Amino acid sequence: MVSLDLSPLIRPKYTIPTTVKVLDLSGNAISEVSLPQHFLEPIRPDLILRAYISALTARLQPKGTDPMAGKRTTAVSFGIGLGLARVPRVKGSLWPTARFAPNVVKGRRAHPPKVEKILHERINKRERRKAIRSAIAATAIRDLVIARGVTLLIRFPKYHSLLVMTLRGLVLWRI
């Protein structure tokens, strides 16, 4: 069996710059600075999404109903042979009202939300750290930033601010 080296044929999808220009307030390049190692991390959209979902679900609170809700009643079924449905009914009035069943007014819920449900999607520490480094590295690639929603950057050196037009609207940042 012959082993082929395919590494020269495999190119990364994005080229990450190793150095960036440092600009003054008027927009002129002063010097160049090499980027830290975090910006050279391979970009993993799957890990970034997993870390985002983990952070999102960590904020969720468990919710549920009282286990006895809709069951605190003396309702019993009248049985068969009376021309009525076999729904539990409360005795003591001219028209006995149905209770307890999930398909009646003031009855229990059929499948209520449970407090025991696990809402938080956990992620390993090293995996989360790698996802954060990957997200930082993605900010160095212009195409990914534009695809995320930033469409226009306007600098106002006089006011030390930056106007960012996104898909969600205009944002004015103080720089």
C-alpha atoms as a PDB file:
ATOM      1  CA  MET A   1       0.000   0.000   0.000  1.00  0.00           C
ATOM      2  CA  VAL A   2       1.403   3.380  -1.061  1.00  0.00           C
ATOM      3  CA  SER A   3       1.003   6.340   1.274  1.00  0.00           C
ATOM      4  CA  LEU A   4       0.430   9.689  -0.415  1.00  0.00           C
ATOM      5  CA  ASP A   5       1.317  13.020   1.157  1.00  0.00           C
ATOM      6  CA  LEU A   6      -1.623  15.319   0.379  1.00  0.00           C
ATOM      7  CA  SER A   7      -0.541  18.207   2.617  1.00  0.00           C
ATOM      8  CA  PRO A   8       0.672  20.421  -0.315  1.00  0.00           C
ATOM      9  CA  LEU A   9      -2.756  20.039  -1.961  1.00  0.00           C
ATOM     10  CA  ILE A  10      -4.788  20.878   1.129  1.00  0.00           C
ATOM     11  CA  ARG A  11      -5.052  24.608   1.625  1.00  0.00           C
ATOM     12  CA  PRO A  12      -6.795  26.356   4.482  1.00  0.00           C
ATOM     13  CA  LYS A  13     -10.096  27.976   3.593  1.00  0.00           C
ATOM     14  CA  TYR A  14      -9.015  31.394   4.880  1.00  0.00           C
ATOM     15  CA  THR A  15      -5.631  33.045   5.045  1.00  0.00           C
ATOM     16  CA  ILE A  16      -5.046  34.576   8.451  1.00  0.00           C
ATOM     17  CA  PRO A  17      -2.761  37.628   8.469  1.00  0.00           C
ATOM     18  CA  THR A  18       0.207  37.338  10.839  1.00  0.00           C
ATOM     19  CA  THR A  19       0.796  41.099  11.086  1.00  0.00           C
ATOM     20  CA  VAL A  20      -1.595  44.055  11.144  1.00  0.00           C
ATOM     21  CA  LYS A  21      -1.138  47.783  10.695  1.00  0.00           C
ATOM     22  CA  VAL A  22      -1.479  50.171  13.621  1.00  0.00           C
ATOM     23  CA  LEU A  23      -3.402  53.310  12.615  1.00  0.00           C
ATOM     24  CA  ASP A  24      -3.441  56.732  14.222  1.00  0.00           C
ATOM     25  CA  LEU A  25      -6.600  58.790  14.714  1.00  0.00           C
ATOM     26  CA  SER A  26      -6.476  60.174  11.194  1.00  0.00           C
ATOM     27  CA  GLY A  27      -6.233  56.673   9.654  1.00  0.00           C
ATOM     28  CA  ASN A  28      -2.538  56.687   8.674  1.00  0.00           C
ATOM     29  CA  ALA A  29      -0.435  53.580   9.255  1.00  0.00           C
ATOM     30  CA  ILE A  30       2.136  54.130  12.004  1.00  0.00           C
ATOM     31  CA  SER A  31       3.649  50.661  12.368  1.00  0.00           C
ATOM     32  CA  GLU A  32       2.967  46.947  12.082  1.00  0.00           C
ATOM     33  CA  VAL A  33       2.339  44.562  14.944  1.00  0.00           C
ATOM     34  CA  SER A  34       2.388  40.774  14.837  1.00  0.00           C
ATOM     35  CA  LEU A  35      -0.815  39.113  15.998  1.00  0.00           C
ATOM     36  CA  PRO A  36      -0.843  36.916  19.130  1.00  0.00           C
ATOM     37  CA  GLN A  37      -1.042  33.132  18.887  1.00  0.00           C
ATOM     38  CA  HIS A  38      -4.817  33.162  19.511  1.00  0.00           C
ATOM     39  CA  PHE A  39      -5.389  34.622  16.057  1.00  0.00           C
ATOM     40  CA  LEU A  40      -3.505  31.738  14.416  1.00  0.00           C
ATOM     41  CA  GLU A  41      -5.868  29.112  15.867  1.00  0.00           C
ATOM     42  CA  PRO A  42      -7.802  27.056  13.268  1.00  0.00           C
ATOM     43  CA  ILE A  43     -11.394  28.229  12.895  1.00  0.00           C
ATOM     44  CA  ARG A  44     -13.967  25.678  14.090  1.00  0.00           C
ATOM     45  CA  PRO A  45     -17.558  26.886  13.526  1.00  0.00           C
ATOM     46  CA  ASP A  46     -18.911  23.692  15.103  1.00  0.00           C
ATOM     47  CA  LEU A  47     -17.063  24.368  18.371  1.00  0.00           C
ATOM     48  CA  ILE A  48     -18.056  28.044  18.378  1.00  0.00           C
ATOM     49  CA  LEU A  49     -21.726  27.073  17.994  1.00  0.00           C
ATOM     50  CA  ARG A  50     -21.462  24.451  20.742  1.00  0.00           C
ATOM     51  CA  ALA A  51     -19.890  26.945  23.168  1.00  0.00           C
ATOM     52  CA  TYR A  52     -22.553  29.521  22.296  1.00  0.00           C
ATOM     53  CA  ILE A  53     -25.369  27.035  22.959  1.00  0.00           C
ATOM     54  CA  SER A  54     -23.728  26.059  26.249  1.00  0.00           C
ATOM     55  CA  ALA A  55     -23.555  29.702  27.364  1.00  0.00           C
ATOM     56  CA  LEU A  56     -27.145  30.291  26.229  1.00  0.00           C
ATOM     57  CA  THR A  57     -28.584  27.280  28.047  1.00  0.00           C
ATOM     58  CA  ALA A  58     -26.627  28.083  31.232  1.00  0.00           C
ATOM     59  CA  ARG A  59     -28.909  31.104  31.707  1.00  0.00           C
ATOM     60  CA  LEU A  60     -32.137  29.082  31.524  1.00  0.00           C
ATOM     61  CA  GLN A  61     -34.031  28.441  34.745  1.00  0.00           C
ATOM     62  CA  PRO A  62     -35.839  25.174  35.400  1.00  0.00           C
ATOM     63  CA  LYS A  63     -39.602  25.525  35.232  1.00  0.00           C
ATOM     64  CA  GLY A  64     -42.438  23.195  36.022  1.00  0.00           C
ATOM     65  CA  THR A  65     -45.900  22.881  37.478  1.00  0.00           C
ATOM     66  CA  ASP A  66     -47.106  21.689  40.850  1.00  0.00           C
ATOM     67  CA  PRO A  67     -47.463  17.885  40.639  1.00  0.00           C
ATOM     68  CA  MET A  68     -50.871  18.135  42.359  1.00  0.00           C
ATOM     69  CA  ALA A  69     -52.233  20.892  40.085  1.00  0.00           C
ATOM     70  CA  GLY A  70     -55.709  19.933  38.872  1.00  0.00           C
ATOM     71  CA  LYS A  71     -55.857  16.932  41.200  1.00  0.00           C
ATOM     72  CA  ARG A  72     -57.085  18.637  44.390  1.00  0.00           C
ATOM     73  CA  THR A  73     -60.713  17.687  43.948  1.00  0.00           C
ATOM     74  CA  THR A  74     -63.253  15.140  45.167  1.00  0.00           C
ATOM     75  CA  ALA A  75     -64.301  14.230  41.622  1.00  0.00           C
ATOM     76  CA  VAL A  76     -65.104  10.595  40.852  1.00  0.00           C
ATOM     77  CA  SER A  77     -66.535   8.931  37.779  1.00  0.00           C
ATOM     78  CA  PHE A  78     -70.220   7.962  37.918  1.00  0.00           C
ATOM     79  CA  GLY A  79     -69.435   4.848  35.922  1.00  0.00           C
ATOM     80  CA  ILE A  80     -71.398   3.510  32.975  1.00  0.00           C
ATOM     81  CA  GLY A  81     -75.102   3.247  32.241  1.00  0.00           C
ATOM     82  CA  LEU A  82     -76.156   6.850  32.942  1.00  0.00           C
ATOM     83  CA  GLY A  83     -75.749   8.279  29.440  1.00  0.00           C
ATOM     84  CA  LEU A  84     -72.768  10.417  30.537  1.00  0.00           C
ATOM     85  CA  ALA A  85     -69.119  10.275  29.629  1.00  0.00           C
ATOM     86  CA  ARG A  86     -66.939   8.454  32.145  1.00  0.00           C
ATOM     87  CA  VAL A  87     -65.206  11.716  33.179  1.00  0.00           C
ATOM     88  CA  PRO A  88     -64.646  12.322  36.914  1.00  0.00           C
ATOM     89  CA  ARG A  89     -67.326  14.732  38.168  1.00  0.00           C
ATOM     90  CA  VAL A  90     -67.795  16.712  41.382  1.00  0.00           C
ATOM     91  CA  LYS A  91     -70.971  15.713  43.240  1.00  0.00           C
ATOM     92  CA  GLY A  92     -73.262  18.048  45.111  1.00  0.00           C
ATOM     93  CA  SER A  93     -74.908  20.252  42.500  1.00  0.00           C
ATOM     94  CA  LEU A  94     -77.717  19.947  39.971  1.00  0.00           C
ATOM     95  CA  TRP A  95     -75.247  19.721  37.078  1.00  0.00           C
ATOM     96  CA  PRO A  96     -72.122  17.860  38.210  1.00  0.00           C
ATOM     97  CA  THR A  97     -69.038  19.522  36.721  1.00  0.00           C
ATOM     98  CA  ALA A  98     -66.190  17.512  35.279  1.00  0.00           C
ATOM     99  CA  ARG A  99     -62.767  17.819  36.935  1.00  0.00           C
ATOM    100  CA  PHE A 100     -59.426  16.016  37.166  1.00  0.00           C
ATOM    101  CA  ALA A 101     -59.226  14.840  33.526  1.00  0.00           C
ATOM    102  CA  PRO A 102     -56.816  16.656  31.158  1.00  0.00           C
ATOM    103  CA  ASN A 103     -59.534  17.427  28.586  1.00  0.00           C
ATOM    104  CA  VAL A 104     -61.900  19.344  30.911  1.00  0.00           C
ATOM    105  CA  VAL A 105     -62.028  22.853  32.350  1.00  0.00           C
ATOM    106  CA  LYS A 106     -59.974  23.129  35.578  1.00  0.00           C
ATOM    107  CA  GLY A 107     -58.501  19.684  34.959  1.00  0.00           C
ATOM    108  CA  ARG A 108     -54.843  18.713  35.122  1.00  0.00           C
ATOM    109  CA  ARG A 109     -52.392  19.277  32.274  1.00  0.00           C
ATOM    110  CA  ALA A 110     -51.762  16.260  30.070  1.00  0.00           C
ATOM    111  CA  HIS A 111     -47.961  16.594  29.854  1.00  0.00           C
ATOM    112  CA  PRO A 112     -46.862  19.534  32.034  1.00  0.00           C
ATOM    113  CA  PRO A 113     -43.291  20.869  31.982  1.00  0.00           C
ATOM    114  CA  LYS A 114     -41.084  19.020  34.459  1.00  0.00           C
ATOM    115  CA  VAL A 115     -38.483  20.600  36.750  1.00  0.00           C
ATOM    116  CA  GLU A 116     -36.296  17.521  36.308  1.00  0.00           C
ATOM    117  CA  LYS A 117     -35.675  18.279  32.626  1.00  0.00           C
ATOM    118  CA  ILE A 118     -31.993  18.984  31.944  1.00  0.00           C
ATOM    119  CA  LEU A 119     -31.761  22.347  30.186  1.00  0.00           C
ATOM    120  CA  HIS A 120     -28.027  23.125  30.395  1.00  0.00           C
ATOM    121  CA  GLU A 121     -25.883  21.736  27.579  1.00  0.00           C
ATOM    122  CA  ARG A 122     -22.512  21.178  29.191  1.00  0.00           C
ATOM    123  CA  ILE A 123     -19.164  21.603  27.436  1.00  0.00           C
ATOM    124  CA  ASN A 124     -15.671  20.575  28.504  1.00  0.00           C
ATOM    125  CA  LYS A 125     -13.322  23.295  29.768  1.00  0.00           C
ATOM    126  CA  ARG A 126     -10.633  22.732  27.147  1.00  0.00           C
ATOM    127  CA  GLU A 127     -13.250  22.530  24.417  1.00  0.00           C
ATOM    128  CA  ARG A 128     -14.782  25.857  25.530  1.00  0.00           C
ATOM    129  CA  ARG A 129     -11.364  27.526  25.655  1.00  0.00           C
ATOM    130  CA  LYS A 130     -10.562  26.234  22.170  1.00  0.00           C
ATOM    131  CA  ALA A 131     -13.907  27.590  20.930  1.00  0.00           C
ATOM    132  CA  ILE A 132     -13.140  31.029  22.390  1.00  0.00           C
ATOM    133  CA  ARG A 133      -9.705  31.061  20.726  1.00  0.00           C
ATOM    134  CA  SER A 134     -11.314  29.962  17.470  1.00  0.00           C
ATOM    135  CA  ALA A 135     -13.887  32.779  17.694  1.00  0.00           C
ATOM    136  CA  ILE A 136     -11.118  35.312  18.357  1.00  0.00           C
ATOM    137  CA  ALA A 137      -9.218  34.005  15.319  1.00  0.00           C
ATOM    138  CA  ALA A 138     -12.356  34.369  13.183  1.00  0.00           C
ATOM    139  CA  THR A 139     -12.456  38.113  13.913  1.00  0.00           C
ATOM    140  CA  ALA A 140      -9.181  38.545  11.992  1.00  0.00           C
ATOM    141  CA  ILE A 141     -10.797  37.390   8.730  1.00  0.00           C
ATOM    142  CA  ARG A 142     -12.671  40.158   6.960  1.00  0.00           C
ATOM    143  CA  ASP A 143     -14.965  37.839   4.968  1.00  0.00           C
ATOM    144  CA  LEU A 144     -16.231  36.137   8.126  1.00  0.00           C
ATOM    145  CA  VAL A 145     -16.869  39.455   9.885  1.00  0.00           C
ATOM    146  CA  ILE A 146     -18.841  40.744   6.877  1.00  0.00           C
ATOM    147  CA  ALA A 147     -20.766  37.456   6.648  1.00  0.00           C
ATOM    148  CA  ARG A 148     -21.670  37.833  10.335  1.00  0.00           C
ATOM    149  CA  GLY A 149     -23.544  41.047   9.597  1.00  0.00           C
ATOM    150  CA  VAL A 150     -21.145  44.022   9.696  1.00  0.00           C
ATOM    151  CA  THR A 151     -21.574  45.712   6.316  1.00  0.00           C
ATOM    152  CA  LEU A 152     -20.082  49.181   6.681  1.00  0.00           C
ATOM    153  CA  LEU A 153     -17.542  50.835   8.950  1.00  0.00           C
ATOM    154  CA  ILE A 154     -17.265  54.627   9.040  1.00  0.00           C
ATOM    155  CA  ARG A 155     -14.595  56.259  11.213  1.00  0.00           C
ATOM    156  CA  PHE A 156     -15.044  59.699  12.756  1.00  0.00           C
ATOM    157  CA  PRO A 157     -11.534  60.567  14.015  1.00  0.00           C
ATOM    158  CA  LYS A 158     -12.612  64.002  15.239  1.00  0.00           C
ATOM    159  CA  TYR A 159     -15.202  62.477  17.603  1.00  0.00           C
ATOM    160  CA  HIS A 160     -13.226  59.281  18.397  1.00  0.00           C
ATOM    161  CA  SER A 161     -16.160  57.145  17.321  1.00  0.00           C
ATOM    162  CA  LEU A 162     -16.939  54.419  14.817  1.00  0.00           C
ATOM    163  CA  LEU A 163     -20.284  54.006  13.039  1.00  0.00           C
ATOM    164  CA  VAL A 164     -21.067  50.366  12.277  1.00  0.00           C
ATOM    165  CA  MET A 165     -23.943  49.514   9.962  1.00  0.00           C
ATOM    166  CA  THR A 166     -25.125  45.949  10.526  1.00  0.00           C
ATOM    167  CA  LEU A 167     -28.022  43.850   9.327  1.00  0.00           C
ATOM    168  CA  ARG A 168     -29.733  44.659  12.622  1.00  0.00           C
ATOM    169  CA  GLY A 169     -29.316  48.453  12.371  1.00  0.00           C
ATOM    170  CA  LEU A 170     -26.821  51.209  13.107  1.00  0.00           C
ATOM    171  CA  VAL A 171     -24.451  51.116  16.069  1.00  0.00           C
ATOM    172  CA  LEU A 172     -22.219  53.993  17.188  1.00  0.00           C
ATOM    173  CA  TRP A 173     -19.130  52.890  19.100  1.00  0.00           C
ATOM    174  CA  ARG A 174     -16.886  55.151  21.120  1.00  0.00           C
ATOM    175  CA  ILE A 175     -13.216  54.451  20.391  1.00  0.00           C
END
